[in-house]
Amino acid sequence: MKIGHAQIALRDGRRGGKTYLWALIRSASRGNTIRLDWGEVPGPGAQDHRCSNTVHFGSDQHTIAIQYVQIKGGGHRTFRACGDHAGTMKCTHWVP
């Protein structure tokens, strides 16, 4: 997703047989932020948890990676990436 001249994305990868997700901002400016929201219910109100990071040097930054897990009742955590550029915040869609 484009925000100003920066790109934000939700990324995933596997380590030790487990799946992790994190938020990434590229081609950003110093002071831009990237945030990862995750929760057990998709959509508004699902931001049970969040972490963020700020671009201090260079043009790329990411958040910590959070493990994708199944939860009671057969559900799963949902995730989205949000980025801030020049005072404008945009978020990706929630994904399982």
PDB file of N, CA and C in Angstrom:
ATOM      1  N   MET A   1       0.851  -1.168   0.000  1.00  0.00           N
ATOM      2  CA  MET A   1       0.000   0.000   0.000  1.00  0.00           C
ATOM      3  C   MET A   1       0.899   1.234   0.000  1.00  0.00           C
ATOM      4  N   LYS A   2       0.584   2.188  -0.837  1.00  0.00           N
ATOM      5  CA  LYS A   2       1.385   3.408  -0.945  1.00  0.00           C
ATOM      6  C   LYS A   2       0.833   4.474  -0.004  1.00  0.00           C
ATOM      7  N   ILE A   3       1.740   5.174   0.661  1.00  0.00           N
ATOM      8  CA  ILE A   3       1.382   6.298   1.516  1.00  0.00           C
ATOM      9  C   ILE A   3       2.447   7.366   1.271  1.00  0.00           C
ATOM     10  N   GLY A   4       2.067   8.425   0.558  1.00  0.00           N
ATOM     11  CA  GLY A   4       3.063   9.399   0.114  1.00  0.00           C
ATOM     12  C   GLY A   4       4.015   8.700  -0.837  1.00  0.00           C
ATOM     13  N   HIS A   5       5.319   8.858  -0.619  1.00  0.00           N
ATOM     14  CA  HIS A   5       6.298   8.154  -1.455  1.00  0.00           C
ATOM     15  C   HIS A   5       6.737   6.830  -0.834  1.00  0.00           C
ATOM     16  N   ALA A   6       6.181   6.490   0.336  1.00  0.00           N
ATOM     17  CA  ALA A   6       6.548   5.260   1.044  1.00  0.00           C
ATOM     18  C   ALA A   6       5.575   4.127   0.722  1.00  0.00           C
ATOM     19  N   GLN A   7       6.025   2.912   0.961  1.00  0.00           N
ATOM     20  CA  GLN A   7       5.210   1.711   0.791  1.00  0.00           C
ATOM     21  C   GLN A   7       5.118   0.988   2.130  1.00  0.00           C
ATOM     22  N   ILE A   8       3.903   0.589   2.525  1.00  0.00           N
ATOM     23  CA  ILE A   8       3.754  -0.219   3.731  1.00  0.00           C
ATOM     24  C   ILE A   8       3.232  -1.592   3.325  1.00  0.00           C
ATOM     25  N   ALA A   9       3.643  -2.603   4.079  1.00  0.00           N
ATOM     26  CA  ALA A   9       3.233  -3.962   3.756  1.00  0.00           C
ATOM     27  C   ALA A   9       3.217  -4.821   5.012  1.00  0.00           C
ATOM     28  N   LEU A  10       2.394  -5.841   4.958  1.00  0.00           N
ATOM     29  CA  LEU A  10       2.358  -6.863   5.987  1.00  0.00           C
ATOM     30  C   LEU A  10       3.130  -8.048   5.424  1.00  0.00           C
ATOM     31  N   ARG A  11       4.132  -8.518   6.133  1.00  0.00           N
ATOM     32  CA  ARG A  11       4.991  -9.607   5.670  1.00  0.00           C
ATOM     33  C   ARG A  11       4.839 -10.824   6.577  1.00  0.00           C
ATOM     34  N   ASP A  12       5.142 -11.981   6.022  1.00  0.00           N
ATOM     35  CA  ASP A  12       5.115 -13.192   6.829  1.00  0.00           C
ATOM     36  C   ASP A  12       6.288 -14.090   6.457  1.00  0.00           C
ATOM     37  N   GLY A  13       6.644 -14.951   7.384  1.00  0.00           N
ATOM     38  CA  GLY A  13       7.728 -15.892   7.163  1.00  0.00           C
ATOM     39  C   GLY A  13       7.642 -17.013   8.181  1.00  0.00           C
ATOM     40  N   ARG A  14       8.398 -18.058   7.914  1.00  0.00           N
ATOM     41  CA  ARG A  14       8.394 -19.218   8.798  1.00  0.00           C
ATOM     42  C   ARG A  14       9.770 -19.392   9.430  1.00  0.00           C
ATOM     43  N   ARG A  15       9.734 -19.802  10.702  1.00  0.00           N
ATOM     44  CA  ARG A  15      10.962 -20.111  11.425  1.00  0.00           C
ATOM     45  C   ARG A  15      10.636 -21.200  12.438  1.00  0.00           C
ATOM     46  N   GLY A  16      11.413 -22.251  12.416  1.00  0.00           N
ATOM     47  CA  GLY A  16      11.181 -23.344  13.349  1.00  0.00           C
ATOM     48  C   GLY A  16       9.808 -23.971  13.208  1.00  0.00           C
ATOM     49  N   GLY A  17       9.264 -23.994  11.979  1.00  0.00           N
ATOM     50  CA  GLY A  17       7.966 -24.588  11.742  1.00  0.00           C
ATOM     51  C   GLY A  17       6.788 -23.716  12.147  1.00  0.00           C
ATOM     52  N   LYS A  18       7.041 -22.483  12.563  1.00  0.00           N
ATOM     53  CA  LYS A  18       5.976 -21.561  12.979  1.00  0.00           C
ATOM     54  C   LYS A  18       5.933 -20.363  12.041  1.00  0.00           C
ATOM     55  N   THR A  19       4.731 -19.792  11.871  1.00  0.00           N
ATOM     56  CA  THR A  19       4.554 -18.629  11.003  1.00  0.00           C
ATOM     57  C   THR A  19       4.538 -17.357  11.848  1.00  0.00           C
ATOM     58  N   TYR A  20       5.254 -16.335  11.362  1.00  0.00           N
ATOM     59  CA  TYR A  20       5.320 -15.036  12.028  1.00  0.00           C
ATOM     60  C   TYR A  20       4.938 -13.952  11.029  1.00  0.00           C
ATOM     61  N   LEU A  21       4.361 -12.854  11.532  1.00  0.00           N
ATOM     62  CA  LEU A  21       4.022 -11.707  10.689  1.00  0.00           C
ATOM     63  C   LEU A  21       4.637 -10.439  11.268  1.00  0.00           C
ATOM     64  N   TRP A  22       4.973  -9.476  10.394  1.00  0.00           N
ATOM     65  CA  TRP A  22       5.507  -8.191  10.813  1.00  0.00           C
ATOM     66  C   TRP A  22       5.119  -7.127   9.793  1.00  0.00           C
ATOM     67  N   ALA A  23       5.199  -5.876  10.190  1.00  0.00           N
ATOM     68  CA  ALA A  23       4.892  -4.753   9.306  1.00  0.00           C
ATOM     69  C   ALA A  23       6.197  -4.139   8.805  1.00  0.00           C
ATOM     70  N   LEU A  24       6.184  -3.665   7.567  1.00  0.00           N
ATOM     71  CA  LEU A  24       7.380  -3.108   6.926  1.00  0.00           C
ATOM     72  C   LEU A  24       7.028  -1.813   6.210  1.00  0.00           C
ATOM     73  N   ILE A  25       7.884  -0.799   6.336  1.00  0.00           N
ATOM     74  CA  ILE A  25       7.754   0.431   5.548  1.00  0.00           C
ATOM     75  C   ILE A  25       9.046   0.590   4.752  1.00  0.00           C
ATOM     76  N   ARG A  26       8.912   0.917   3.462  1.00  0.00           N
ATOM     77  CA  ARG A  26      10.062   1.094   2.562  1.00  0.00           C
ATOM     78  C   ARG A  26       9.985   2.463   1.902  1.00  0.00           C
ATOM     79  N   SER A  27      11.122   2.952   1.485  1.00  0.00           N
ATOM     80  CA  SER A  27      11.234   4.257   0.812  1.00  0.00           C
ATOM     81  C   SER A  27      10.620   5.356   1.665  1.00  0.00           C
ATOM     82  N   ALA A  28      10.779   5.235   2.958  1.00  0.00           N
ATOM     83  CA  ALA A  28      10.211   6.196   3.896  1.00  0.00           C
ATOM     84  C   ALA A  28      11.226   7.288   4.239  1.00  0.00           C
ATOM     85  N   SER A  29      10.761   8.279   4.942  1.00  0.00           N
ATOM     86  CA  SER A  29      11.611   9.373   5.408  1.00  0.00           C
ATOM     87  C   SER A  29      11.855   9.237   6.903  1.00  0.00           C
ATOM     88  N   ARG A  30      12.921   9.844   7.354  1.00  0.00           N
ATOM     89  CA  ARG A  30      13.207   9.862   8.783  1.00  0.00           C
ATOM     90  C   ARG A  30      11.998  10.422   9.531  1.00  0.00           C
ATOM     91  N   GLY A  31      11.589   9.747  10.604  1.00  0.00           N
ATOM     92  CA  GLY A  31      10.445  10.172  11.386  1.00  0.00           C
ATOM     93  C   GLY A  31       9.149   9.451  11.034  1.00  0.00           C
ATOM     94  N   ASN A  32       9.080   8.809   9.849  1.00  0.00           N
ATOM     95  CA  ASN A  32       7.899   8.017   9.500  1.00  0.00           C
ATOM     96  C   ASN A  32       7.823   6.808  10.429  1.00  0.00           C
ATOM     97  N   THR A  33       6.612   6.328  10.682  1.00  0.00           N
ATOM     98  CA  THR A  33       6.445   5.181  11.572  1.00  0.00           C
ATOM     99  C   THR A  33       5.733   4.037  10.870  1.00  0.00           C
ATOM    100  N   ILE A  34       5.976   2.845  11.368  1.00  0.00           N
ATOM    101  CA  ILE A  34       5.297   1.639  10.916  1.00  0.00           C
ATOM    102  C   ILE A  34       4.729   0.965  12.154  1.00  0.00           C
ATOM    103  N   ARG A  35       3.522   0.403  12.029  1.00  0.00           N
ATOM    104  CA  ARG A  35       2.861  -0.206  13.180  1.00  0.00           C
ATOM    105  C   ARG A  35       2.238  -1.536  12.764  1.00  0.00           C
ATOM    106  N   LEU A  36       2.281  -2.503  13.665  1.00  0.00           N
ATOM    107  CA  LEU A  36       1.614  -3.783  13.475  1.00  0.00           C
ATOM    108  C   LEU A  36       0.514  -3.896  14.519  1.00  0.00           C
ATOM    109  N   ASP A  37      -0.729  -4.086  14.053  1.00  0.00           N
ATOM    110  CA  ASP A  37      -1.867  -4.331  14.948  1.00  0.00           C
ATOM    111  C   ASP A  37      -2.211  -5.808  14.845  1.00  0.00           C
ATOM    112  N   TRP A  38      -2.563  -6.437  15.957  1.00  0.00           N
ATOM    113  CA  TRP A  38      -3.051  -7.802  15.902  1.00  0.00           C
ATOM    114  C   TRP A  38      -4.036  -8.052  17.022  1.00  0.00           C
ATOM    115  N   GLY A  39      -4.959  -8.961  16.758  1.00  0.00           N
ATOM    116  CA  GLY A  39      -5.982  -9.290  17.734  1.00  0.00           C
ATOM    117  C   GLY A  39      -6.682 -10.577  17.379  1.00  0.00           C
ATOM    118  N   GLU A  40      -7.693 -10.912  18.147  1.00  0.00           N
ATOM    119  CA  GLU A  40      -8.413 -12.165  17.951  1.00  0.00           C
ATOM    120  C   GLU A  40      -9.726 -11.981  17.226  1.00  0.00           C
ATOM    121  N   VAL A  41     -10.144 -10.736  16.991  1.00  0.00           N
ATOM    122  CA  VAL A  41     -11.384 -10.444  16.285  1.00  0.00           C
ATOM    123  C   VAL A  41     -11.047  -9.480  15.159  1.00  0.00           C
ATOM    124  N   PRO A  42     -11.351  -9.812  13.890  1.00  0.00           N
ATOM    125  CA  PRO A  42     -10.997  -8.904  12.797  1.00  0.00           C
ATOM    126  C   PRO A  42     -11.830  -7.631  12.804  1.00  0.00           C
ATOM    127  N   GLY A  43     -11.264  -6.584  12.245  1.00  0.00           N
ATOM    128  CA  GLY A  43     -11.991  -5.337  12.067  1.00  0.00           C
ATOM    129  C   GLY A  43     -11.864  -4.388  13.237  1.00  0.00           C
ATOM    130  N   PRO A  44     -12.691  -3.320  13.261  1.00  0.00           N
ATOM    131  CA  PRO A  44     -12.617  -2.306  14.307  1.00  0.00           C
ATOM    132  C   PRO A  44     -12.718  -2.924  15.701  1.00  0.00           C
ATOM    133  N   GLY A  45     -11.891  -2.455  16.585  1.00  0.00           N
ATOM    134  CA  GLY A  45     -11.871  -2.970  17.942  1.00  0.00           C
ATOM    135  C   GLY A  45     -10.936  -4.143  18.115  1.00  0.00           C
ATOM    136  N   ALA A  46     -10.326  -4.606  17.027  1.00  0.00           N
ATOM    137  CA  ALA A  46      -9.460  -5.788  17.095  1.00  0.00           C
ATOM    138  C   ALA A  46      -8.032  -5.447  17.496  1.00  0.00           C
ATOM    139  N   GLN A  47      -7.725  -4.175  17.663  1.00  0.00           N
ATOM    140  CA  GLN A  47      -6.365  -3.794  18.005  1.00  0.00           C
ATOM    141  C   GLN A  47      -6.077  -4.122  19.468  1.00  0.00           C
ATOM    142  N   ASP A  48      -6.224  -5.400  19.818  1.00  0.00           N
ATOM    143  CA  ASP A  48      -5.929  -5.816  21.181  1.00  0.00           C
ATOM    144  C   ASP A  48      -4.470  -5.536  21.521  1.00  0.00           C
ATOM    145  N   HIS A  49      -3.631  -5.620  20.506  1.00  0.00           N
ATOM    146  CA  HIS A  49      -2.191  -5.444  20.693  1.00  0.00           C
ATOM    147  C   HIS A  49      -1.628  -4.640  19.526  1.00  0.00           C
ATOM    148  N   ARG A  50      -0.551  -3.942  19.786  1.00  0.00           N
ATOM    149  CA  ARG A  50       0.140  -3.242  18.696  1.00  0.00           C
ATOM    150  C   ARG A  50       1.576  -2.970  19.108  1.00  0.00           C
ATOM    151  N   CYS A  51       2.406  -2.887  18.092  1.00  0.00           N
ATOM    152  CA  CYS A  51       3.792  -2.488  18.293  1.00  0.00           C
ATOM    153  C   CYS A  51       4.153  -1.591  17.121  1.00  0.00           C
ATOM    154  N   SER A  52       5.133  -0.733  17.315  1.00  0.00           N
ATOM    155  CA  SER A  52       5.514   0.191  16.248  1.00  0.00           C
ATOM    156  C   SER A  52       7.007   0.453  16.282  1.00  0.00           C
ATOM    157  N   ASN A  53       7.478   1.078  15.215  1.00  0.00           N
ATOM    158  CA  ASN A  53       8.872   1.445  15.092  1.00  0.00           C
ATOM    159  C   ASN A  53       8.947   2.693  14.225  1.00  0.00           C
ATOM    160  N   THR A  54       9.992   3.476  14.403  1.00  0.00           N
ATOM    161  CA  THR A  54      10.183   4.730  13.672  1.00  0.00           C
ATOM    162  C   THR A  54      11.443   4.654  12.829  1.00  0.00           C
ATOM    163  N   VAL A  55      11.389   5.240  11.634  1.00  0.00           N
ATOM    164  CA  VAL A  55      12.572   5.320  10.774  1.00  0.00           C
ATOM    165  C   VAL A  55      13.493   6.386  11.356  1.00  0.00           C
ATOM    166  N   HIS A  56      14.670   5.969  11.826  1.00  0.00           N
ATOM    167  CA  HIS A  56      15.646   6.906  12.391  1.00  0.00           C
ATOM    168  C   HIS A  56      16.765   7.213  11.402  1.00  0.00           C
ATOM    169  N   PHE A  57      17.094   6.258  10.544  1.00  0.00           N
ATOM    170  CA  PHE A  57      18.089   6.469   9.490  1.00  0.00           C
ATOM    171  C   PHE A  57      17.772   5.502   8.359  1.00  0.00           C
ATOM    172  N   GLY A  58      18.280   5.785   7.176  1.00  0.00           N
ATOM    173  CA  GLY A  58      17.933   4.966   6.024  1.00  0.00           C
ATOM    174  C   GLY A  58      16.503   5.259   5.587  1.00  0.00           C
ATOM    175  N   SER A  59      15.903   4.299   4.860  1.00  0.00           N
ATOM    176  CA  SER A  59      14.548   4.528   4.358  1.00  0.00           C
ATOM    177  C   SER A  59      13.603   3.357   4.613  1.00  0.00           C
ATOM    178  N   ASP A  60      14.090   2.292   5.255  1.00  0.00           N
ATOM    179  CA  ASP A  60      13.255   1.129   5.538  1.00  0.00           C
ATOM    180  C   ASP A  60      13.244   0.850   7.033  1.00  0.00           C
ATOM    181  N   GLN A  61      12.118   0.325   7.525  1.00  0.00           N
ATOM    182  CA  GLN A  61      12.018  -0.055   8.939  1.00  0.00           C
ATOM    183  C   GLN A  61      10.929  -1.117   9.063  1.00  0.00           C
ATOM    184  N   HIS A  62      11.060  -1.980  10.052  1.00  0.00           N
ATOM    185  CA  HIS A  62      10.054  -3.004  10.301  1.00  0.00           C
ATOM    186  C   HIS A  62       9.766  -3.093  11.794  1.00  0.00           C
ATOM    187  N   THR A  63       8.686  -3.773  12.124  1.00  0.00           N
ATOM    188  CA  THR A  63       8.332  -4.019  13.516  1.00  0.00           C
ATOM    189  C   THR A  63       8.899  -5.374  13.929  1.00  0.00           C
ATOM    190  N   ILE A  64       8.705  -5.731  15.179  1.00  0.00           N
ATOM    191  CA  ILE A  64       9.040  -7.081  15.598  1.00  0.00           C
ATOM    192  C   ILE A  64       8.061  -8.043  14.930  1.00  0.00           C
ATOM    193  N   ALA A  65       8.400  -9.316  14.895  1.00  0.00           N
ATOM    194  CA  ALA A  65       7.535 -10.332  14.303  1.00  0.00           C
ATOM    195  C   ALA A  65       6.706 -10.991  15.403  1.00  0.00           C
ATOM    196  N   ILE A  66       5.419 -11.207  15.105  1.00  0.00           N
ATOM    197  CA  ILE A  66       4.488 -11.818  16.047  1.00  0.00           C
ATOM    198  C   ILE A  66       4.014 -13.148  15.475  1.00  0.00           C
ATOM    199  N   GLN A  67       3.948 -14.168  16.314  1.00  0.00           N
ATOM    200  CA  GLN A  67       3.570 -15.491  15.847  1.00  0.00           C
ATOM    201  C   GLN A  67       2.080 -15.571  15.533  1.00  0.00           C
ATOM    202  N   TYR A  68       1.783 -16.197  14.395  1.00  0.00           N
ATOM    203  CA  TYR A  68       0.403 -16.511  14.000  1.00  0.00           C
ATOM    204  C   TYR A  68      -0.002 -17.747  14.786  1.00  0.00           C
ATOM    205  N   VAL A  69      -1.103 -17.676  15.518  1.00  0.00           N
ATOM    206  CA  VAL A  69      -1.541 -18.824  16.315  1.00  0.00           C
ATOM    207  C   VAL A  69      -3.046 -19.021  16.205  1.00  0.00           C
ATOM    208  N   GLN A  70      -3.458 -20.263  16.389  1.00  0.00           N
ATOM    209  CA  GLN A  70      -4.874 -20.596  16.512  1.00  0.00           C
ATOM    210  C   GLN A  70      -5.291 -20.245  17.931  1.00  0.00           C
ATOM    211  N   ILE A  71      -6.534 -19.822  18.095  1.00  0.00           N
ATOM    212  CA  ILE A  71      -7.038 -19.489  19.426  1.00  0.00           C
ATOM    213  C   ILE A  71      -8.234 -20.374  19.745  1.00  0.00           C
ATOM    214  N   LYS A  72      -8.665 -20.355  20.975  1.00  0.00           N
ATOM    215  CA  LYS A  72      -9.804 -21.182  21.395  1.00  0.00           C
ATOM    216  C   LYS A  72     -11.008 -20.917  20.506  1.00  0.00           C
ATOM    217  N   GLY A  73     -11.777 -21.950  20.239  1.00  0.00           N
ATOM    218  CA  GLY A  73     -12.966 -21.807  19.411  1.00  0.00           C
ATOM    219  C   GLY A  73     -12.681 -21.931  17.933  1.00  0.00           C
ATOM    220  N   GLY A  74     -11.448 -22.256  17.552  1.00  0.00           N
ATOM    221  CA  GLY A  74     -11.108 -22.455  16.148  1.00  0.00           C
ATOM    222  C   GLY A  74     -10.745 -21.198  15.389  1.00  0.00           C
ATOM    223  N   GLY A  75     -10.686 -20.051  16.051  1.00  0.00           N
ATOM    224  CA  GLY A  75     -10.295 -18.811  15.379  1.00  0.00           C
ATOM    225  C   GLY A  75      -8.790 -18.686  15.279  1.00  0.00           C
ATOM    226  N   HIS A  76      -8.332 -17.511  14.937  1.00  0.00           N
ATOM    227  CA  HIS A  76      -6.901 -17.242  14.794  1.00  0.00           C
ATOM    228  C   HIS A  76      -6.658 -15.744  14.960  1.00  0.00           C
ATOM    229  N   ARG A  77      -5.436 -15.398  15.207  1.00  0.00           N
ATOM    230  CA  ARG A  77      -5.082 -13.977  15.272  1.00  0.00           C
ATOM    231  C   ARG A  77      -5.220 -13.347  13.899  1.00  0.00           C
ATOM    232  N   THR A  78      -5.610 -12.084  13.862  1.00  0.00           N
ATOM    233  CA  THR A  78      -5.646 -11.318  12.618  1.00  0.00           C
ATOM    234  C   THR A  78      -4.643 -10.173  12.736  1.00  0.00           C
ATOM    235  N   PHE A  79      -4.131  -9.728  11.598  1.00  0.00           N
ATOM    236  CA  PHE A  79      -3.052  -8.745  11.569  1.00  0.00           C
ATOM    237  C   PHE A  79      -3.307  -7.677  10.513  1.00  0.00           C
ATOM    238  N   ARG A  80      -2.730  -6.486  10.741  1.00  0.00           N
ATOM    239  CA  ARG A  80      -2.680  -5.457   9.707  1.00  0.00           C
ATOM    240  C   ARG A  80      -1.453  -4.592   9.959  1.00  0.00           C
ATOM    241  N   ALA A  81      -0.974  -3.954   8.898  1.00  0.00           N
ATOM    242  CA  ALA A  81       0.153  -3.026   8.973  1.00  0.00           C
ATOM    243  C   ALA A  81      -0.378  -1.617   8.767  1.00  0.00           C
ATOM    244  N   CYS A  82       0.122  -0.661   9.556  1.00  0.00           N
ATOM    245  CA  CYS A  82      -0.271   0.739   9.420  1.00  0.00           C
ATOM    246  C   CYS A  82       0.998   1.591   9.337  1.00  0.00           C
ATOM    247  N   GLY A  83       0.986   2.562   8.458  1.00  0.00           N
ATOM    248  CA  GLY A  83       2.135   3.443   8.313  1.00  0.00           C
ATOM    249  C   GLY A  83       1.733   4.896   8.409  1.00  0.00           C
ATOM    250  N   ASP A  84       2.656   5.717   8.912  1.00  0.00           N
ATOM    251  CA  ASP A  84       2.446   7.156   9.031  1.00  0.00           C
ATOM    252  C   ASP A  84       3.490   7.861   8.180  1.00  0.00           C
ATOM    253  N   HIS A  85       3.014   8.748   7.316  1.00  0.00           N
ATOM    254  CA  HIS A  85       3.901   9.558   6.473  1.00  0.00           C
ATOM    255  C   HIS A  85       3.323  10.965   6.422  1.00  0.00           C
ATOM    256  N   ALA A  86       4.094  11.932   6.845  1.00  0.00           N
ATOM    257  CA  ALA A  86       3.690  13.342   6.797  1.00  0.00           C
ATOM    258  C   ALA A  86       2.349  13.586   7.472  1.00  0.00           C
ATOM    259  N   GLY A  87       2.106  12.878   8.587  1.00  0.00           N
ATOM    260  CA  GLY A  87       0.885  13.079   9.342  1.00  0.00           C
ATOM    261  C   GLY A  87      -0.327  12.321   8.845  1.00  0.00           C
ATOM    262  N   THR A  88      -0.170  11.530   7.787  1.00  0.00           N
ATOM    263  CA  THR A  88      -1.253  10.719   7.259  1.00  0.00           C
ATOM    264  C   THR A  88      -1.015   9.263   7.620  1.00  0.00           C
ATOM    265  N   MET A  89      -2.025   8.601   8.179  1.00  0.00           N
ATOM    266  CA  MET A  89      -1.937   7.197   8.560  1.00  0.00           C
ATOM    267  C   MET A  89      -2.813   6.366   7.622  1.00  0.00           C
ATOM    268  N   LYS A  90      -2.254   5.276   7.088  1.00  0.00           N
ATOM    269  CA  LYS A  90      -3.008   4.320   6.277  1.00  0.00           C
ATOM    270  C   LYS A  90      -2.707   2.925   6.779  1.00  0.00           C
ATOM    271  N   CYS A  91      -3.705   2.039   6.664  1.00  0.00           N
ATOM    272  CA  CYS A  91      -3.553   0.665   7.125  1.00  0.00           C
ATOM    273  C   CYS A  91      -3.956  -0.315   6.022  1.00  0.00           C
ATOM    274  N   THR A  92      -3.314  -1.475   6.029  1.00  0.00           N
ATOM    275  CA  THR A  92      -3.699  -2.543   5.124  1.00  0.00           C
ATOM    276  C   THR A  92      -5.009  -3.156   5.643  1.00  0.00           C
ATOM    277  N   HIS A  93      -5.599  -4.032   4.856  1.00  0.00           N
ATOM    278  CA  HIS A  93      -6.771  -4.772   5.314  1.00  0.00           C
ATOM    279  C   HIS A  93      -6.337  -5.779   6.368  1.00  0.00           C
ATOM    280  N   TRP A  94      -7.270  -6.153   7.247  1.00  0.00           N
ATOM    281  CA  TRP A  94      -7.011  -7.215   8.219  1.00  0.00           C
ATOM    282  C   TRP A  94      -6.866  -8.535   7.465  1.00  0.00           C
ATOM    283  N   VAL A  95      -5.887  -9.327   7.850  1.00  0.00           N
ATOM    284  CA  VAL A  95      -5.694 -10.647   7.238  1.00  0.00           C
ATOM    285  C   VAL A  95      -5.503 -11.707   8.319  1.00  0.00           C
ATOM    286  N   PRO A  96      -5.936 -12.930   7.997  1.00  0.00           N
ATOM    287  CA  PRO A  96      -5.717 -14.021   8.963  1.00  0.00           C
ATOM    288  C   PRO A  96      -4.262 -14.458   8.962  1.00  0.00           C
TER     289      PRO A  96
END
